[in-house]
Amino acid sequence: MKTITKRIILIYSYLFFSLLFYDFSFAFSDPEREIIVYISPEFIDFPDSTDNGFLLSSSGISSSNLYNLLDTSGIVNISRTFPSYTKADTILTDSFGREFNISLFSRVYTILLSSSDSIEVLIDRLYQLYDEVIFAERNIVSVTTGSDPEFDKQWYLRNTGQGSGTKGEDIKIESVWRIATGGPITIGLIDAGVQLDHPDLASRVSGDSYFWDVNGNPAENITTNHGTQMAGIIGAITNNAYNIKGINWISPINSYRVYKNGSVDVRCYFY
């Protein structure tokens, strides 16, 4: 009986001191102190594990510039943003036996810092490491709510079952927005022209209006606002307290009016 009692005391003592000295920064996430970073694979050999996180010294970063920057920036730990994705999950083989990458999720990492005070400065410095870092952004968890009043009706972005729809049947864009919301590449829109002065598009779209084409000639047969609707779905200005959210929040849109004089202008396909 005394032996059992001693063992129980030893177990409780071990648990107590384990909790006393355990670094809980590994167990909890704090988005306000987090950066989402895509690191080029040639500069990191991260452990192929689904553990919560690793110290910088165990992260497998081979670039001295990147390592030293993070080491002097108060990094607490680094982990996979999508831990269920491993290197093997991102490679598929097509019918011709060729391998292709279906996802870059296994190369995206979450960096937890000791403080959020200089997080923007660190992001700027990460972007200066052109070879090592593809992108670096704050982990903004409230990015999908925003102030656009019609967002709740955009079932294709977030389907909650509204309008007798099926909950979850959407394009899963919110998980993408946590990583990136767009980029500098211009999106070409071949349609019926766009209302260039639309308040949810005015600073994002250029090119053919559905009133005037790029040569300043009046557009004819204005029977649809389909182009404006498509431009809005693609890139409506987001979090501006007006109308809807665009899928892409940053990329400029160039409109080309394909329907002219009641026919299709084939030149748009070479635009």
Foldseek 3Di string as FASTA:
>chain_A
DVVVVVVVVVVVVVVVVCVVPPDCVLVDDDLLQKKKFQWPPVQWDAPLALGSWDQLVRGRGRDPVVSVLCVVQAWDTKGQPPNVDGPVNQWDADPVRDIDGNDSSNRMMMIGGPDNPCVVVSQVVLVVVVNTTPHMGRQDLCQQPAQAPCAVVPCQAANCCPPVDDGPNHPPLSVVVSRAQADAAEAEQEEAAACCCPPQPVVAEDAGHNQAGPVRDGAPDSDDNVSHVVCCQAEGATNPNYHYHHSHHDYHYYYDHQQGPNHGDVCSVVD
